[in-house]
Every structure is written in C-alpha cells, then in structure tokens.
Amino acid sequence: EVLIVPGYGMAMARAQTSIGELATLLRNNKVNLKFGIHPVAGRMPGQMNVLLAEAGVPHEWVFEMDEVNPDMENNDVVLVVGANDVVNSSAQEVEGCSIWGMPIIEVWRAKKVIFMKRSMAGGYADLDNPVFYKDNTDMFLGDAKKSIDSLTAKVGERFDKA
C-alpha cells in the first residue's frame, strides 16, 4: 500500500508528469497506489488535482484527505512530495501555533513516511514539522523532479530483475 501526497513543491519543480510515471510503473507492477490530496495543497484549492490530471493520472487513483486519513495505518509507505503544512502534525500537537486546528493529512500514522523536499525548511506557515523527526520518517532531500525521475529509474530496474 503506497500513498503519494503531493504539495506545492511538486508544482514548483514541475514534477507532476514524473510522479504520474512513477505511479503508473508501480500500479503496472501490482502495487496498490493512490494519491491523497489536501483540499488547499498548493497555492489554490484544487491545484494538485489539476496538475495530476494534466499528467495523465486517472481520477480513480486520486482521493481526498477525508478518504485517506481513516485508513492511514494500512499504508506501508507514504511519499510526501513537496508538501509540508498540509501534513504538519503541529496542527494537532502544538496548541496555539499558526496552523493549530487546521485539518491535515495524518501521514505519520503510516508505517513509513518519506518526505521529498528541497530542504528541512518550514512551509508557507514557516513552522518546523515534527513529522520530520518521527521514528518512521526518512527525508529524501533534493529537487522533486530529479528525485522522482531517479527513484522511478531505480524502481524500474528492480522490477526488471524480478
């Protein structure tokens, strides 16, 4: 079970087509993959949905926050691509912070979380994200498009050997 959570960083890196290619590769090799979309991810509501549609990602693979949160523990891996505030556990853990009470995608409840970001910096709200430091989280720092392209190539090689 793989969940991809895209954010503004994916849009800035223009990585949506690369993400779509990775998703197709995984789905074609019998990996159950879906996308989890926060309603305000990016700079306008619906931006992630539009970018994924432009990249050819079938609508049936795309789910809203309220659809993915209840089953988060069932995900073996959540790949967070350029998202930060919309997955920042401070919204539930740090009372009084600027995003306190904001609904978020609760990625830290998955078995493994991999953040793909340029740096450890905060998002639009400029808050540190406690999820970065949780035991089940790894950071994959770099340009989203280059990182996804590299990951897709490596995953493709593994499937070819299998």
C-alpha atoms as a PDB file:
ATOM      1  CA  GLU A   1       0.000   0.000   0.000  1.00  0.00           C
ATOM      2  CA  VAL A   2       1.560   3.265  -1.179  1.00  0.00           C
ATOM      3  CA  LEU A   3       0.093   6.742  -0.761  1.00  0.00           C
ATOM      4  CA  ILE A   4       1.562   9.783  -2.513  1.00  0.00           C
ATOM      5  CA  VAL A   5       0.767  13.191  -1.002  1.00  0.00           C
ATOM      6  CA  PRO A   6       1.717  15.987  -3.422  1.00  0.00           C
ATOM      7  CA  GLY A   7       2.161  19.621  -2.482  1.00  0.00           C
ATOM      8  CA  TYR A   8       3.317  22.982  -3.742  1.00  0.00           C
ATOM      9  CA  GLY A   9       6.917  21.780  -4.062  1.00  0.00           C
ATOM     10  CA  MET A  10       5.798  19.246  -6.661  1.00  0.00           C
ATOM     11  CA  ALA A  11       4.188  22.051  -8.636  1.00  0.00           C
ATOM     12  CA  MET A  12       7.248  24.311  -8.348  1.00  0.00           C
ATOM     13  CA  ALA A  13       9.549  21.531  -9.575  1.00  0.00           C
ATOM     14  CA  ARG A  14       7.081  20.677 -12.352  1.00  0.00           C
ATOM     15  CA  ALA A  15       7.315  17.072 -11.204  1.00  0.00           C
ATOM     16  CA  GLN A  16       3.696  16.034 -11.819  1.00  0.00           C
ATOM     17  CA  THR A  17       4.488  14.090 -15.011  1.00  0.00           C
ATOM     18  CA  SER A  18       7.342  12.293 -13.254  1.00  0.00           C
ATOM     19  CA  ILE A  19       5.020  11.472 -10.352  1.00  0.00           C
ATOM     20  CA  GLY A  20       2.476  10.123 -12.820  1.00  0.00           C
ATOM     21  CA  GLU A  21       5.142   7.923 -14.430  1.00  0.00           C
ATOM     22  CA  LEU A  22       6.205   6.526 -11.028  1.00  0.00           C
ATOM     23  CA  ALA A  23       2.574   5.861 -10.113  1.00  0.00           C
ATOM     24  CA  THR A  24       1.933   4.065 -13.410  1.00  0.00           C
ATOM     25  CA  LEU A  25       5.075   1.952 -13.013  1.00  0.00           C
ATOM     26  CA  LEU A  26       4.031   0.887  -9.523  1.00  0.00           C
ATOM     27  CA  ARG A  27       0.409   0.209 -10.479  1.00  0.00           C
ATOM     28  CA  ASN A  28       1.509  -1.781 -13.541  1.00  0.00           C
ATOM     29  CA  ASN A  29       3.588  -3.950 -11.204  1.00  0.00           C
ATOM     30  CA  LYS A  30       0.686  -4.752  -8.873  1.00  0.00           C
ATOM     31  CA  VAL A  31       1.462  -2.154  -6.198  1.00  0.00           C
ATOM     32  CA  ASN A  32      -1.703  -0.675  -4.714  1.00  0.00           C
ATOM     33  CA  LEU A  33      -1.020   3.052  -5.052  1.00  0.00           C
ATOM     34  CA  LYS A  34      -3.217   6.076  -4.601  1.00  0.00           C
ATOM     35  CA  PHE A  35      -2.854   9.812  -4.166  1.00  0.00           C
ATOM     36  CA  GLY A  36      -4.051  11.694  -1.087  1.00  0.00           C
ATOM     37  CA  ILE A  37      -4.948  15.305  -1.807  1.00  0.00           C
ATOM     38  CA  HIS A  38      -5.395  18.037   0.777  1.00  0.00           C
ATOM     39  CA  PRO A  39      -8.091  20.492  -0.355  1.00  0.00           C
ATOM     40  CA  VAL A  40      -5.771  23.513  -0.093  1.00  0.00           C
ATOM     41  CA  ALA A  41      -2.440  21.917  -1.098  1.00  0.00           C
ATOM     42  CA  GLY A  42      -0.541  24.273  -3.363  1.00  0.00           C
ATOM     43  CA  ARG A  43      -1.480  27.879  -3.752  1.00  0.00           C
ATOM     44  CA  MET A  44      -5.139  27.412  -4.646  1.00  0.00           C
ATOM     45  CA  PRO A  45      -7.810  24.806  -3.934  1.00  0.00           C
ATOM     46  CA  GLY A  46      -7.772  22.002  -6.481  1.00  0.00           C
ATOM     47  CA  GLN A  47      -4.286  22.779  -7.818  1.00  0.00           C
ATOM     48  CA  MET A  48      -2.965  19.256  -7.141  1.00  0.00           C
ATOM     49  CA  ASN A  49      -5.997  17.652  -8.798  1.00  0.00           C
ATOM     50  CA  VAL A  50      -5.475  19.748 -11.939  1.00  0.00           C
ATOM     51  CA  LEU A  51      -1.732  19.031 -12.105  1.00  0.00           C
ATOM     52  CA  LEU A  52      -2.236  15.292 -11.680  1.00  0.00           C
ATOM     53  CA  ALA A  53      -4.984  15.282 -14.324  1.00  0.00           C
ATOM     54  CA  GLU A  54      -2.670  17.140 -16.711  1.00  0.00           C
ATOM     55  CA  ALA A  55      -0.035  14.465 -16.031  1.00  0.00           C
ATOM     56  CA  GLY A  56      -2.488  11.740 -17.033  1.00  0.00           C
ATOM     57  CA  VAL A  57      -3.113  10.335 -13.548  1.00  0.00           C
ATOM     58  CA  PRO A  58      -6.543   8.652 -13.639  1.00  0.00           C
ATOM     59  CA  HIS A  59      -9.109  10.287 -11.375  1.00  0.00           C
ATOM     60  CA  GLU A  60      -9.805   6.870  -9.798  1.00  0.00           C
ATOM     61  CA  TRP A  61      -6.314   6.944  -8.233  1.00  0.00           C
ATOM     62  CA  VAL A  62      -6.920  10.305  -6.515  1.00  0.00           C
ATOM     63  CA  PHE A  63      -8.560  10.546  -3.087  1.00  0.00           C
ATOM     64  CA  GLU A  64      -9.364  13.434  -0.787  1.00  0.00           C
ATOM     65  CA  MET A  65      -7.935  13.930   2.703  1.00  0.00           C
ATOM     66  CA  ASP A  66     -11.109  12.684   4.395  1.00  0.00           C
ATOM     67  CA  GLU A  67     -10.900   9.471   2.357  1.00  0.00           C
ATOM     68  CA  VAL A  68      -7.249   8.635   3.149  1.00  0.00           C
ATOM     69  CA  ASN A  69      -6.973   9.610   6.814  1.00  0.00           C
ATOM     70  CA  PRO A  70      -9.195   6.823   8.249  1.00  0.00           C
ATOM     71  CA  ASP A  71      -7.005   4.089   6.691  1.00  0.00           C
ATOM     72  CA  MET A  72      -3.592   5.725   7.163  1.00  0.00           C
ATOM     73  CA  GLU A  73      -2.220   2.866   9.309  1.00  0.00           C
ATOM     74  CA  ASN A  74      -2.723   0.487   6.362  1.00  0.00           C
ATOM     75  CA  ASN A  75      -0.210   2.352   4.192  1.00  0.00           C
ATOM     76  CA  ASP A  76       3.198   0.702   4.034  1.00  0.00           C
ATOM     77  CA  VAL A  77       4.763   3.871   2.606  1.00  0.00           C
ATOM     78  CA  VAL A  78       3.585   7.449   2.290  1.00  0.00           C
ATOM     79  CA  LEU A  79       5.639   9.506  -0.136  1.00  0.00           C
ATOM     80  CA  VAL A  80       5.183  13.208   0.608  1.00  0.00           C
ATOM     81  CA  VAL A  81       6.300  15.188  -2.436  1.00  0.00           C
ATOM     82  CA  GLY A  82       6.779  18.886  -1.788  1.00  0.00           C
ATOM     83  CA  ALA A  83       4.055  19.139   0.842  1.00  0.00           C
ATOM     84  CA  ASN A  84       4.619  20.480   4.340  1.00  0.00           C
ATOM     85  CA  ASP A  85       1.900  22.468   6.114  1.00  0.00           C
ATOM     86  CA  VAL A  86      -0.873  20.114   4.944  1.00  0.00           C
ATOM     87  CA  VAL A  87       0.891  17.186   6.674  1.00  0.00           C
ATOM     88  CA  ASN A  88       2.346  19.100   9.645  1.00  0.00           C
ATOM     89  CA  SER A  89       1.402  17.418  12.927  1.00  0.00           C
ATOM     90  CA  SER A  90       1.822  20.771  14.736  1.00  0.00           C
ATOM     91  CA  ALA A  91      -1.791  21.393  13.717  1.00  0.00           C
ATOM     92  CA  GLN A  92      -2.718  18.743  16.301  1.00  0.00           C
ATOM     93  CA  GLU A  93       0.284  18.764  18.643  1.00  0.00           C
ATOM     94  CA  VAL A  94       1.302  22.410  19.184  1.00  0.00           C
ATOM     95  CA  GLU A  95      -1.607  24.336  20.618  1.00  0.00           C
ATOM     96  CA  GLY A  96      -1.586  27.988  19.624  1.00  0.00           C
ATOM     97  CA  CYS A  97       0.665  27.624  16.580  1.00  0.00           C
ATOM     98  CA  SER A  98      -0.434  29.342  13.372  1.00  0.00           C
ATOM     99  CA  ILE A  99      -1.947  26.152  11.900  1.00  0.00           C
ATOM    100  CA  TRP A 100      -3.452  24.840  15.165  1.00  0.00           C
ATOM    101  CA  GLY A 101      -6.745  23.100  14.384  1.00  0.00           C
ATOM    102  CA  MET A 102      -6.221  23.021  10.611  1.00  0.00           C
ATOM    103  CA  PRO A 103      -7.321  19.679   9.127  1.00  0.00           C
ATOM    104  CA  ILE A 104      -4.269  17.818   7.840  1.00  0.00           C
ATOM    105  CA  ILE A 105      -3.366  14.549   6.181  1.00  0.00           C
ATOM    106  CA  GLU A 106      -2.069  12.466   9.103  1.00  0.00           C
ATOM    107  CA  VAL A 107       0.851  10.826   7.274  1.00  0.00           C
ATOM    108  CA  TRP A 108       2.801   9.978  10.442  1.00  0.00           C
ATOM    109  CA  ARG A 109       0.242   7.249  11.213  1.00  0.00           C
ATOM    110  CA  ALA A 110       1.519   5.206   8.224  1.00  0.00           C
ATOM    111  CA  LYS A 111       4.151   2.510   8.675  1.00  0.00           C
ATOM    112  CA  LYS A 112       6.786   4.574   6.813  1.00  0.00           C
ATOM    113  CA  VAL A 113       6.887   8.203   5.666  1.00  0.00           C
ATOM    114  CA  ILE A 114       9.352   9.543   3.110  1.00  0.00           C
ATOM    115  CA  PHE A 115       9.475  13.312   2.623  1.00  0.00           C
ATOM    116  CA  MET A 116      10.777  14.596  -0.695  1.00  0.00           C
ATOM    117  CA  LYS A 117      11.693  18.256  -0.213  1.00  0.00           C
ATOM    118  CA  ARG A 118      14.456  20.642  -1.198  1.00  0.00           C
ATOM    119  CA  SER A 119      15.344  21.257   2.450  1.00  0.00           C
ATOM    120  CA  MET A 120      14.189  20.840   6.032  1.00  0.00           C
ATOM    121  CA  ALA A 121      12.688  24.345   5.960  1.00  0.00           C
ATOM    122  CA  GLY A 122       9.135  25.071   7.002  1.00  0.00           C
ATOM    123  CA  GLY A 123       6.347  25.519   4.500  1.00  0.00           C
ATOM    124  CA  TYR A 124       4.199  28.567   3.823  1.00  0.00           C
ATOM    125  CA  ALA A 125       3.374  28.833   7.543  1.00  0.00           C
ATOM    126  CA  ASP A 126       7.146  28.763   8.277  1.00  0.00           C
ATOM    127  CA  LEU A 127       6.763  26.180  11.057  1.00  0.00           C
ATOM    128  CA  ASP A 128       9.044  23.287  11.821  1.00  0.00           C
ATOM    129  CA  ASN A 129       7.307  19.999  11.048  1.00  0.00           C
ATOM    130  CA  PRO A 130       7.526  17.446  13.900  1.00  0.00           C
ATOM    131  CA  VAL A 131       6.813  14.638  11.416  1.00  0.00           C
ATOM    132  CA  PHE A 132      10.357  15.110  10.035  1.00  0.00           C
ATOM    133  CA  TYR A 133      11.721  13.801  13.350  1.00  0.00           C
ATOM    134  CA  LYS A 134       9.402  10.876  13.979  1.00  0.00           C
ATOM    135  CA  ASP A 135      10.968   7.405  14.038  1.00  0.00           C
ATOM    136  CA  ASN A 136       9.053   6.226  10.949  1.00  0.00           C
ATOM    137  CA  THR A 137      10.123   9.196   8.788  1.00  0.00           C
ATOM    138  CA  ASP A 138      13.008   9.500   6.342  1.00  0.00           C
ATOM    139  CA  MET A 139      13.995  12.596   4.376  1.00  0.00           C
ATOM    140  CA  PHE A 140      14.876  12.465   0.656  1.00  0.00           C
ATOM    141  CA  LEU A 141      16.214  15.968   0.043  1.00  0.00           C
ATOM    142  CA  GLY A 142      16.606  17.435  -3.428  1.00  0.00           C
ATOM    143  CA  ASP A 143      14.716  18.695  -6.458  1.00  0.00           C
ATOM    144  CA  ALA A 144      11.400  16.817  -6.675  1.00  0.00           C
ATOM    145  CA  LYS A 145      11.534  16.155 -10.408  1.00  0.00           C
ATOM    146  CA  LYS A 146      15.124  14.908 -10.407  1.00  0.00           C
ATOM    147  CA  SER A 147      14.497  12.822  -7.285  1.00  0.00           C
ATOM    148  CA  ILE A 148      11.323  11.240  -8.672  1.00  0.00           C
ATOM    149  CA  ASP A 149      12.996  10.523 -12.014  1.00  0.00           C
ATOM    150  CA  SER A 150      15.886   8.817 -10.193  1.00  0.00           C
ATOM    151  CA  LEU A 151      13.527   6.858  -7.952  1.00  0.00           C
ATOM    152  CA  THR A 152      11.433   5.741 -10.942  1.00  0.00           C
ATOM    153  CA  ALA A 153      14.553   4.500 -12.751  1.00  0.00           C
ATOM    154  CA  LYS A 154      15.724   2.520  -9.710  1.00  0.00           C
ATOM    155  CA  VAL A 155      12.279   1.027  -9.072  1.00  0.00           C
ATOM    156  CA  GLY A 156      12.021   0.106 -12.763  1.00  0.00           C
ATOM    157  CA  GLU A 157      15.390  -1.669 -12.561  1.00  0.00           C
ATOM    158  CA  ARG A 158      14.197  -3.670  -9.548  1.00  0.00           C
ATOM    159  CA  PHE A 159      11.003  -4.712 -11.311  1.00  0.00           C
ATOM    160  CA  ASP A 160      13.017  -5.711 -14.407  1.00  0.00           C
ATOM    161  CA  LYS A 161      15.200  -8.012 -12.282  1.00  0.00           C
ATOM    162  CA  ALA A 162      12.228  -9.629 -10.556  1.00  0.00           C
END
